[in-house]
Amino acid sequence: DLASAPLHKARDRMALLGVLARVDVTARAPVIECLEQIPGVSTFGVEDESRLGILVERSSVEDAHEVLTIQIAGIQGLLGAWPIFSDVDSAALAGSG
């Protein structure tokens, strides 16, 4: 049940962003390692090895956007990252957190 998963415990003040990334296949492992070191970021595999799923969990939309456009976009071997899903509550949308 998603509602009981640890990721969703503080959901009343959360911005979640699902991202599809294209990665250099030869750099996939280092890209995942870099991503997993960013607080609030986790990765998951998808069918194509040149693509990677990323979940960004932050307290505001602005924080999630900054993580995507600055931290994630700057990783060597990550060729592109596109937000494909978002779930934002009103507190996160207002930037409080």
PDB file of N, CA and C in Angstrom:
ATOM      1  N   ASP A   1       0.842  -1.187   0.000  1.00  0.00           N
ATOM      2  CA  ASP A   1       0.000   0.000   0.000  1.00  0.00           C
ATOM      3  C   ASP A   1       0.886   1.249   0.000  1.00  0.00           C
ATOM      4  N   LEU A   2       0.745   2.096  -1.004  1.00  0.00           N
ATOM      5  CA  LEU A   2       1.575   3.293  -1.124  1.00  0.00           C
ATOM      6  C   LEU A   2       1.417   4.243   0.052  1.00  0.00           C
ATOM      7  N   ALA A   3       0.229   4.347   0.595  1.00  0.00           N
ATOM      8  CA  ALA A   3      -0.002   5.290   1.687  1.00  0.00           C
ATOM      9  C   ALA A   3       0.808   4.933   2.922  1.00  0.00           C
ATOM     10  N   SER A   4       1.141   3.658   3.093  1.00  0.00           N
ATOM     11  CA  SER A   4       1.892   3.258   4.275  1.00  0.00           C
ATOM     12  C   SER A   4       3.394   3.152   4.018  1.00  0.00           C
ATOM     13  N   ALA A   5       3.827   3.338   2.784  1.00  0.00           N
ATOM     14  CA  ALA A   5       5.262   3.269   2.467  1.00  0.00           C
ATOM     15  C   ALA A   5       5.994   4.422   3.127  1.00  0.00           C
ATOM     16  N   PRO A   6       7.243   4.220   3.555  1.00  0.00           N
ATOM     17  CA  PRO A   6       8.004   5.278   4.224  1.00  0.00           C
ATOM     18  C   PRO A   6       8.092   6.561   3.405  1.00  0.00           C
ATOM     19  N   LEU A   7       8.165   6.445   2.101  1.00  0.00           N
ATOM     20  CA  LEU A   7       8.270   7.610   1.227  1.00  0.00           C
ATOM     21  C   LEU A   7       7.097   8.556   1.418  1.00  0.00           C
ATOM     22  N   HIS A   8       5.950   8.041   1.773  1.00  0.00           N
ATOM     23  CA  HIS A   8       4.732   8.841   1.823  1.00  0.00           C
ATOM     24  C   HIS A   8       4.323   9.244   3.237  1.00  0.00           C
ATOM     25  N   LYS A   9       5.132   8.959   4.239  1.00  0.00           N
ATOM     26  CA  LYS A   9       4.749   9.272   5.612  1.00  0.00           C
ATOM     27  C   LYS A   9       4.593  10.768   5.853  1.00  0.00           C
ATOM     28  N   ALA A  10       5.477  11.579   5.268  1.00  0.00           N
ATOM     29  CA  ALA A  10       5.395  13.024   5.470  1.00  0.00           C
ATOM     30  C   ALA A  10       4.767  13.701   4.262  1.00  0.00           C
ATOM     31  N   ARG A  11       3.897  13.009   3.605  1.00  0.00           N
ATOM     32  CA  ARG A  11       3.366  13.470   2.346  1.00  0.00           C
ATOM     33  C   ARG A  11       2.550  14.753   2.437  1.00  0.00           C
ATOM     34  N   ASP A  12       2.100  15.116   3.623  1.00  0.00           N
ATOM     35  CA  ASP A  12       1.301  16.327   3.741  1.00  0.00           C
ATOM     36  C   ASP A  12       2.126  17.585   3.458  1.00  0.00           C
ATOM     37  N   ARG A  13       3.441  17.470   3.353  1.00  0.00           N
ATOM     38  CA  ARG A  13       4.292  18.615   3.044  1.00  0.00           C
ATOM     39  C   ARG A  13       5.346  18.180   2.028  1.00  0.00           C
ATOM     40  N   MET A  14       4.936  17.663   0.898  1.00  0.00           N
ATOM     41  CA  MET A  14       5.879  17.054  -0.016  1.00  0.00           C
ATOM     42  C   MET A  14       5.620  17.411  -1.464  1.00  0.00           C
ATOM     43  N   ALA A  15       6.703  17.499  -2.197  1.00  0.00           N
ATOM     44  CA  ALA A  15       6.635  17.602  -3.650  1.00  0.00           C
ATOM     45  C   ALA A  15       7.390  16.392  -4.194  1.00  0.00           C
ATOM     46  N   LEU A  16       6.718  15.579  -4.972  1.00  0.00           N
ATOM     47  CA  LEU A  16       7.329  14.406  -5.581  1.00  0.00           C
ATOM     48  C   LEU A  16       7.429  14.644  -7.080  1.00  0.00           C
ATOM     49  N   LEU A  17       8.579  14.324  -7.635  1.00  0.00           N
ATOM     50  CA  LEU A  17       8.809  14.519  -9.057  1.00  0.00           C
ATOM     51  C   LEU A  17       9.381  13.239  -9.636  1.00  0.00           C
ATOM     52  N   GLY A  18       8.691  12.662 -10.618  1.00  0.00           N
ATOM     53  CA  GLY A  18       9.186  11.499 -11.331  1.00  0.00           C
ATOM     54  C   GLY A  18       9.880  11.964 -12.595  1.00  0.00           C
ATOM     55  N   VAL A  19      11.072  11.467 -12.822  1.00  0.00           N
ATOM     56  CA  VAL A  19      11.903  11.930 -13.925  1.00  0.00           C
ATOM     57  C   VAL A  19      12.362  10.731 -14.751  1.00  0.00           C
ATOM     58  N   LEU A  20      12.335  10.883 -16.063  1.00  0.00           N
ATOM     59  CA  LEU A  20      12.910   9.889 -16.957  1.00  0.00           C
ATOM     60  C   LEU A  20      14.203  10.480 -17.502  1.00  0.00           C
ATOM     61  N   ALA A  21      15.300   9.764 -17.309  1.00  0.00           N
ATOM     62  CA  ALA A  21      16.608  10.254 -17.735  1.00  0.00           C
ATOM     63  C   ALA A  21      17.183   9.351 -18.818  1.00  0.00           C
ATOM     64  N   ARG A  22      17.932   9.956 -19.704  1.00  0.00           N
ATOM     65  CA  ARG A  22      18.713   9.198 -20.680  1.00  0.00           C
ATOM     66  C   ARG A  22      20.152   9.240 -20.200  1.00  0.00           C
ATOM     67  N   VAL A  23      20.788   8.073 -20.157  1.00  0.00           N
ATOM     68  CA  VAL A  23      22.161   7.986 -19.660  1.00  0.00           C
ATOM     69  C   VAL A  23      23.057   7.303 -20.679  1.00  0.00           C
ATOM     70  N   ASP A  24      24.333   7.653 -20.622  1.00  0.00           N
ATOM     71  CA  ASP A  24      25.352   6.946 -21.388  1.00  0.00           C
ATOM     72  C   ASP A  24      25.461   5.559 -20.758  1.00  0.00           C
ATOM     73  N   VAL A  25      25.187   4.517 -21.512  1.00  0.00           N
ATOM     74  CA  VAL A  25      25.163   3.154 -20.975  1.00  0.00           C
ATOM     75  C   VAL A  25      26.491   2.792 -20.308  1.00  0.00           C
ATOM     76  N   THR A  26      27.588   3.288 -20.847  1.00  0.00           N
ATOM     77  CA  THR A  26      28.896   2.972 -20.265  1.00  0.00           C
ATOM     78  C   THR A  26      29.124   3.699 -18.939  1.00  0.00           C
ATOM     79  N   ALA A  27      28.314   4.701 -18.630  1.00  0.00           N
ATOM     80  CA  ALA A  27      28.459   5.465 -17.388  1.00  0.00           C
ATOM     81  C   ALA A  27      27.265   5.255 -16.445  1.00  0.00           C
ATOM     82  N   ARG A  28      26.438   4.266 -16.728  1.00  0.00           N
ATOM     83  CA  ARG A  28      25.210   4.056 -15.950  1.00  0.00           C
ATOM     84  C   ARG A  28      25.477   3.879 -14.454  1.00  0.00           C
ATOM     85  N   ALA A  29      26.399   3.027 -14.077  1.00  0.00           N
ATOM     86  CA  ALA A  29      26.671   2.776 -12.654  1.00  0.00           C
ATOM     87  C   ALA A  29      27.157   4.042 -11.939  1.00  0.00           C
ATOM     88  N   PRO A  30      28.122   4.785 -12.491  1.00  0.00           N
ATOM     89  CA  PRO A  30      28.533   6.026 -11.810  1.00  0.00           C
ATOM     90  C   PRO A  30      27.418   7.071 -11.742  1.00  0.00           C
ATOM     91  N   VAL A  31      26.560   7.131 -12.761  1.00  0.00           N
ATOM     92  CA  VAL A  31      25.440   8.071 -12.742  1.00  0.00           C
ATOM     93  C   VAL A  31      24.502   7.708 -11.589  1.00  0.00           C
ATOM     94  N   ILE A  32      24.166   6.444 -11.457  1.00  0.00           N
ATOM     95  CA  ILE A  32      23.291   5.995 -10.367  1.00  0.00           C
ATOM     96  C   ILE A  32      23.922   6.315  -9.020  1.00  0.00           C
ATOM     97  N   GLU A  33      25.216   6.070  -8.890  1.00  0.00           N
ATOM     98  CA  GLU A  33      25.915   6.352  -7.641  1.00  0.00           C
ATOM     99  C   GLU A  33      25.832   7.841  -7.289  1.00  0.00           C
ATOM    100  N   CYS A  34      26.044   8.705  -8.262  1.00  0.00           N
ATOM    101  CA  CYS A  34      25.951  10.155  -8.032  1.00  0.00           C
ATOM    102  C   CYS A  34      24.536  10.559  -7.635  1.00  0.00           C
ATOM    103  N   LEU A  35      23.552  10.033  -8.341  1.00  0.00           N
ATOM    104  CA  LEU A  35      22.161  10.368  -8.050  1.00  0.00           C
ATOM    105  C   LEU A  35      21.772   9.937  -6.638  1.00  0.00           C
ATOM    106  N   GLU A  36      22.173   8.749  -6.239  1.00  0.00           N
ATOM    107  CA  GLU A  36      21.799   8.206  -4.934  1.00  0.00           C
ATOM    108  C   GLU A  36      22.452   8.976  -3.786  1.00  0.00           C
ATOM    109  N   GLN A  37      23.465   9.783  -4.073  1.00  0.00           N
ATOM    110  CA  GLN A  37      24.112  10.597  -3.038  1.00  0.00           C
ATOM    111  C   GLN A  37      23.393  11.921  -2.807  1.00  0.00           C
ATOM    112  N   ILE A  38      22.461  12.283  -3.677  1.00  0.00           N
ATOM    113  CA  ILE A  38      21.705  13.526  -3.520  1.00  0.00           C
ATOM    114  C   ILE A  38      20.550  13.258  -2.542  1.00  0.00           C
ATOM    115  N   PRO A  39      20.474  14.013  -1.447  1.00  0.00           N
ATOM    116  CA  PRO A  39      19.379  13.791  -0.490  1.00  0.00           C
ATOM    117  C   PRO A  39      18.008  13.934  -1.159  1.00  0.00           C
ATOM    118  N   GLY A  40      17.124  12.977  -0.865  1.00  0.00           N
ATOM    119  CA  GLY A  40      15.772  13.016  -1.405  1.00  0.00           C
ATOM    120  C   GLY A  40      15.642  12.470  -2.815  1.00  0.00           C
ATOM    121  N   VAL A  41      16.718  11.888  -3.342  1.00  0.00           N
ATOM    122  CA  VAL A  41      16.696  11.340  -4.706  1.00  0.00           C
ATOM    123  C   VAL A  41      16.918   9.838  -4.642  1.00  0.00           C
ATOM    124  N   SER A  42      16.099   9.103  -5.380  1.00  0.00           N
ATOM    125  CA  SER A  42      16.278   7.661  -5.526  1.00  0.00           C
ATOM    126  C   SER A  42      16.108   7.305  -6.996  1.00  0.00           C
ATOM    127  N   THR A  43      16.635   6.157  -7.372  1.00  0.00           N
ATOM    128  CA  THR A  43      16.576   5.731  -8.770  1.00  0.00           C
ATOM    129  C   THR A  43      15.872   4.391  -8.878  1.00  0.00           C
ATOM    130  N   PHE A  44      15.395   4.110 -10.072  1.00  0.00           N
ATOM    131  CA  PHE A  44      14.808   2.806 -10.356  1.00  0.00           C
ATOM    132  C   PHE A  44      15.021   2.505 -11.828  1.00  0.00           C
ATOM    133  N   GLY A  45      15.157   1.242 -12.138  1.00  0.00           N
ATOM    134  CA  GLY A  45      15.398   0.828 -13.508  1.00  0.00           C
ATOM    135  C   GLY A  45      14.140   0.861 -14.351  1.00  0.00           C
ATOM    136  N   VAL A  46      14.349   1.016 -15.631  1.00  0.00           N
ATOM    137  CA  VAL A  46      13.293   0.891 -16.622  1.00  0.00           C
ATOM    138  C   VAL A  46      13.783  -0.100 -17.668  1.00  0.00           C
ATOM    139  N   GLU A  47      12.951  -0.462 -18.617  1.00  0.00           N
ATOM    140  CA  GLU A  47      13.285  -1.527 -19.558  1.00  0.00           C
ATOM    141  C   GLU A  47      14.544  -1.265 -20.384  1.00  0.00           C
ATOM    142  N   ASP A  48      14.753  -0.054 -20.805  1.00  0.00           N
ATOM    143  CA  ASP A  48      15.868   0.309 -21.666  1.00  0.00           C
ATOM    144  C   ASP A  48      17.075   0.712 -20.817  1.00  0.00           C
ATOM    145  N   GLU A  49      18.232   0.078 -21.034  1.00  0.00           N
ATOM    146  CA  GLU A  49      19.428   0.390 -20.250  1.00  0.00           C
ATOM    147  C   GLU A  49      19.912   1.817 -20.431  1.00  0.00           C
ATOM    148  N   SER A  50      19.528   2.453 -21.531  1.00  0.00           N
ATOM    149  CA  SER A  50      19.958   3.833 -21.754  1.00  0.00           C
ATOM    150  C   SER A  50      19.039   4.838 -21.061  1.00  0.00           C
ATOM    151  N   ARG A  51      18.068   4.326 -20.339  1.00  0.00           N
ATOM    152  CA  ARG A  51      17.141   5.193 -19.600  1.00  0.00           C
ATOM    153  C   ARG A  51      17.120   4.786 -18.135  1.00  0.00           C
ATOM    154  N   LEU A  52      16.757   5.745 -17.306  1.00  0.00           N
ATOM    155  CA  LEU A  52      16.760   5.518 -15.872  1.00  0.00           C
ATOM    156  C   LEU A  52      15.613   6.312 -15.256  1.00  0.00           C
ATOM    157  N   GLY A  53      14.922   5.722 -14.313  1.00  0.00           N
ATOM    158  CA  GLY A  53      13.886   6.432 -13.574  1.00  0.00           C
ATOM    159  C   GLY A  53      14.481   7.078 -12.336  1.00  0.00           C
ATOM    160  N   ILE A  54      14.033   8.281 -12.049  1.00  0.00           N
ATOM    161  CA  ILE A  54      14.519   9.032 -10.891  1.00  0.00           C
ATOM    162  C   ILE A  54      13.307   9.579 -10.142  1.00  0.00           C
ATOM    163  N   LEU A  55      13.330   9.463  -8.825  1.00  0.00           N
ATOM    164  CA  LEU A  55      12.299  10.051  -7.992  1.00  0.00           C
ATOM    165  C   LEU A  55      12.945  11.121  -7.121  1.00  0.00           C
ATOM    166  N   VAL A  56      12.410  12.336  -7.192  1.00  0.00           N
ATOM    167  CA  VAL A  56      12.894  13.455  -6.386  1.00  0.00           C
ATOM    168  C   VAL A  56      11.812  13.770  -5.358  1.00  0.00           C
ATOM    169  N   GLU A  57      12.171  13.742  -4.098  1.00  0.00           N
ATOM    170  CA  GLU A  57      11.242  14.001  -3.001  1.00  0.00           C
ATOM    171  C   GLU A  57      11.776  15.196  -2.218  1.00  0.00           C
ATOM    172  N   ARG A  58      11.062  16.313  -2.273  1.00  0.00           N
ATOM    173  CA  ARG A  58      11.518  17.544  -1.615  1.00  0.00           C
ATOM    174  C   ARG A  58      10.350  18.209  -0.897  1.00  0.00           C
ATOM    175  N   SER A  59      10.676  19.222  -0.104  1.00  0.00           N
ATOM    176  CA  SER A  59       9.645  19.896   0.679  1.00  0.00           C
ATOM    177  C   SER A  59       8.902  20.971  -0.112  1.00  0.00           C
ATOM    178  N   SER A  60       9.425  21.357  -1.285  1.00  0.00           N
ATOM    179  CA  SER A  60       8.734  22.370  -2.093  1.00  0.00           C
ATOM    180  C   SER A  60       9.001  22.129  -3.574  1.00  0.00           C
ATOM    181  N   VAL A  61       8.160  22.698  -4.410  1.00  0.00           N
ATOM    182  CA  VAL A  61       8.332  22.612  -5.851  1.00  0.00           C
ATOM    183  C   VAL A  61       9.649  23.273  -6.267  1.00  0.00           C
ATOM    184  N   GLU A  62       9.961  24.398  -5.645  1.00  0.00           N
ATOM    185  CA  GLU A  62      11.199  25.107  -5.972  1.00  0.00           C
ATOM    186  C   GLU A  62      12.422  24.249  -5.687  1.00  0.00           C
ATOM    187  N   ASP A  63      12.427  23.552  -4.538  1.00  0.00           N
ATOM    188  CA  ASP A  63      13.538  22.667  -4.199  1.00  0.00           C
ATOM    189  C   ASP A  63      13.661  21.523  -5.207  1.00  0.00           C
ATOM    190  N   ALA A  64      12.533  20.925  -5.567  1.00  0.00           N
ATOM    191  CA  ALA A  64      12.548  19.830  -6.540  1.00  0.00           C
ATOM    192  C   ALA A  64      13.080  20.316  -7.888  1.00  0.00           C
ATOM    193  N   HIS A  65      12.650  21.500  -8.309  1.00  0.00           N
ATOM    194  CA  HIS A  65      13.113  22.075  -9.572  1.00  0.00           C
ATOM    195  C   HIS A  65      14.621  22.322  -9.534  1.00  0.00           C
ATOM    196  N   GLU A  66      15.121  22.852  -8.421  1.00  0.00           N
ATOM    197  CA  GLU A  66      16.557  23.110  -8.283  1.00  0.00           C
ATOM    198  C   GLU A  66      17.365  21.818  -8.344  1.00  0.00           C
ATOM    199  N   VAL A  67      16.883  20.780  -7.681  1.00  0.00           N
ATOM    200  CA  VAL A  67      17.579  19.489  -7.719  1.00  0.00           C
ATOM    201  C   VAL A  67      17.645  18.983  -9.158  1.00  0.00           C
ATOM    202  N   LEU A  68      16.532  19.074  -9.883  1.00  0.00           N
ATOM    203  CA  LEU A  68      16.492  18.585 -11.265  1.00  0.00           C
ATOM    204  C   LEU A  68      17.381  19.411 -12.186  1.00  0.00           C
ATOM    205  N   THR A  69      17.259  20.726 -12.129  1.00  0.00           N
ATOM    206  CA  THR A  69      17.941  21.571 -13.113  1.00  0.00           C
ATOM    207  C   THR A  69      19.396  21.863 -12.785  1.00  0.00           C
ATOM    208  N   ILE A  70      19.787  21.734 -11.536  1.00  0.00           N
ATOM    209  CA  ILE A  70      21.175  22.029 -11.177  1.00  0.00           C
ATOM    210  C   ILE A  70      21.943  20.752 -10.826  1.00  0.00           C
ATOM    211  N   GLN A  71      21.472  20.022  -9.820  1.00  0.00           N
ATOM    212  CA  GLN A  71      22.226  18.857  -9.358  1.00  0.00           C
ATOM    213  C   GLN A  71      22.158  17.682 -10.329  1.00  0.00           C
ATOM    214  N   ILE A  72      20.961  17.306 -10.728  1.00  0.00           N
ATOM    215  CA  ILE A  72      20.818  16.145 -11.608  1.00  0.00           C
ATOM    216  C   ILE A  72      21.337  16.447 -13.009  1.00  0.00           C
ATOM    217  N   ALA A  73      20.975  17.585 -13.559  1.00  0.00           N
ATOM    218  CA  ALA A  73      21.382  17.935 -14.923  1.00  0.00           C
ATOM    219  C   ALA A  73      22.899  18.045 -15.069  1.00  0.00           C
ATOM    220  N   GLY A  74      23.607  18.299 -13.980  1.00  0.00           N
ATOM    221  CA  GLY A  74      25.056  18.467 -14.050  1.00  0.00           C
ATOM    222  C   GLY A  74      25.868  17.192 -13.916  1.00  0.00           C
ATOM    223  N   ILE A  75      25.227  16.051 -13.813  1.00  0.00           N
ATOM    224  CA  ILE A  75      25.949  14.791 -13.626  1.00  0.00           C
ATOM    225  C   ILE A  75      26.520  14.300 -14.956  1.00  0.00           C
ATOM    226  N   GLN A  76      27.825  14.053 -14.959  1.00  0.00           N
ATOM    227  CA  GLN A  76      28.490  13.561 -16.164  1.00  0.00           C
ATOM    228  C   GLN A  76      27.977  12.154 -16.495  1.00  0.00           C
ATOM    229  N   GLY A  77      27.629  11.949 -17.752  1.00  0.00           N
ATOM    230  CA  GLY A  77      27.083  10.675 -18.194  1.00  0.00           C
ATOM    231  C   GLY A  77      25.568  10.667 -18.261  1.00  0.00           C
ATOM    232  N   LEU A  78      24.931  11.663 -17.657  1.00  0.00           N
ATOM    233  CA  LEU A  78      23.492  11.819 -17.753  1.00  0.00           C
ATOM    234  C   LEU A  78      23.235  12.751 -18.929  1.00  0.00           C
ATOM    235  N   LEU A  79      22.599  12.239 -19.962  1.00  0.00           N
ATOM    236  CA  LEU A  79      22.460  12.960 -21.225  1.00  0.00           C
ATOM    237  C   LEU A  79      21.227  13.851 -21.285  1.00  0.00           C
ATOM    238  N   GLY A  80      20.260  13.613 -20.444  1.00  0.00           N
ATOM    239  CA  GLY A  80      19.048  14.419 -20.412  1.00  0.00           C
ATOM    240  C   GLY A  80      18.114  13.899 -19.345  1.00  0.00           C
ATOM    241  N   ALA A  81      17.281  14.786 -18.790  1.00  0.00           N
ATOM    242  CA  ALA A  81      16.331  14.394 -17.753  1.00  0.00           C
ATOM    243  C   ALA A  81      15.044  15.183 -17.939  1.00  0.00           C
ATOM    244  N   TRP A  82      13.929  14.469 -18.019  1.00  0.00           N
ATOM    245  CA  TRP A  82      12.630  15.080 -18.278  1.00  0.00           C
ATOM    246  C   TRP A  82      11.639  14.698 -17.191  1.00  0.00           C
ATOM    247  N   PRO A  83      11.002  15.692 -16.556  1.00  0.00           N
ATOM    248  CA  PRO A  83       9.960  15.358 -15.576  1.00  0.00           C
ATOM    249  C   PRO A  83       8.753  14.756 -16.294  1.00  0.00           C
ATOM    250  N   ILE A  84       8.279  13.630 -15.797  1.00  0.00           N
ATOM    251  CA  ILE A  84       7.133  12.972 -16.429  1.00  0.00           C
ATOM    252  C   ILE A  84       5.970  12.784 -15.467  1.00  0.00           C
ATOM    253  N   PHE A  85       6.194  13.085 -14.189  1.00  0.00           N
ATOM    254  CA  PHE A  85       5.150  12.918 -13.180  1.00  0.00           C
ATOM    255  C   PHE A  85       5.423  13.887 -12.042  1.00  0.00           C
ATOM    256  N   SER A  86       4.376  14.460 -11.497  1.00  0.00           N
ATOM    257  CA  SER A  86       4.537  15.260 -10.283  1.00  0.00           C
ATOM    258  C   SER A  86       3.331  15.066  -9.396  1.00  0.00           C
ATOM    259  N   ASP A  87       3.570  15.133  -8.116  1.00  0.00           N
ATOM    260  CA  ASP A  87       2.513  15.060  -7.116  1.00  0.00           C
ATOM    261  C   ASP A  87       2.886  16.084  -6.061  1.00  0.00           C
ATOM    262  N   VAL A  88       2.114  17.145  -6.007  1.00  0.00           N
ATOM    263  CA  VAL A  88       2.465  18.269  -5.151  1.00  0.00           C
ATOM    264  C   VAL A  88       1.275  18.626  -4.284  1.00  0.00           C
ATOM    265  N   ASP A  89       1.520  18.748  -2.971  1.00  0.00           N
ATOM    266  CA  ASP A  89       0.434  19.186  -2.109  1.00  0.00           C
ATOM    267  C   ASP A  89       0.466  20.705  -1.984  1.00  0.00           C
ATOM    268  N   SER A  90      -0.533  21.271  -1.389  1.00  0.00           N
ATOM    269  CA  SER A  90      -0.649  22.728  -1.327  1.00  0.00           C
ATOM    270  C   SER A  90       0.461  23.365  -0.507  1.00  0.00           C
ATOM    271  N   ALA A  91       0.947  22.724   0.545  1.00  0.00           N
ATOM    272  CA  ALA A  91       2.037  23.297   1.353  1.00  0.00           C
ATOM    273  C   ALA A  91       3.325  23.331   0.546  1.00  0.00           C
ATOM    274  N   ALA A  92       3.612  22.272  -0.213  1.00  0.00           N
ATOM    275  CA  ALA A  92       4.817  22.234  -1.036  1.00  0.00           C
ATOM    276  C   ALA A  92       4.711  23.228  -2.178  1.00  0.00           C
ATOM    277  N   LEU A  93       3.519  23.384  -2.731  1.00  0.00           N
ATOM    278  CA  LEU A  93       3.308  24.312  -3.819  1.00  0.00           C
ATOM    279  C   LEU A  93       3.545  25.754  -3.356  1.00  0.00           C
ATOM    280  N   ALA A  94       3.181  26.030  -2.112  1.00  0.00           N
ATOM    281  CA  ALA A  94       3.374  27.365  -1.561  1.00  0.00           C
ATOM    282  C   ALA A  94       4.820  27.608  -1.152  1.00  0.00           C
ATOM    283  N   GLY A  95       5.652  26.538  -1.175  1.00  0.00           N
ATOM    284  CA  GLY A  95       7.050  26.695  -0.820  1.00  0.00           C
ATOM    285  C   GLY A  95       7.327  26.574   0.654  1.00  0.00           C
ATOM    286  N   SER A  96       6.320  26.238   1.446  1.00  0.00           N
ATOM    287  CA  SER A  96       6.578  26.070   2.868  1.00  0.00           C
ATOM    288  C   SER A  96       7.049  24.657   3.115  1.00  0.00           C
ATOM    289  N   GLY A  97       7.799  24.460   4.149  1.00  0.00           N
ATOM    290  CA  GLY A  97       8.256  23.119   4.404  1.00  0.00           C
ATOM    291  C   GLY A  97       9.169  23.125   5.473  1.00  0.00           C
TER     292      GLY A  97
END
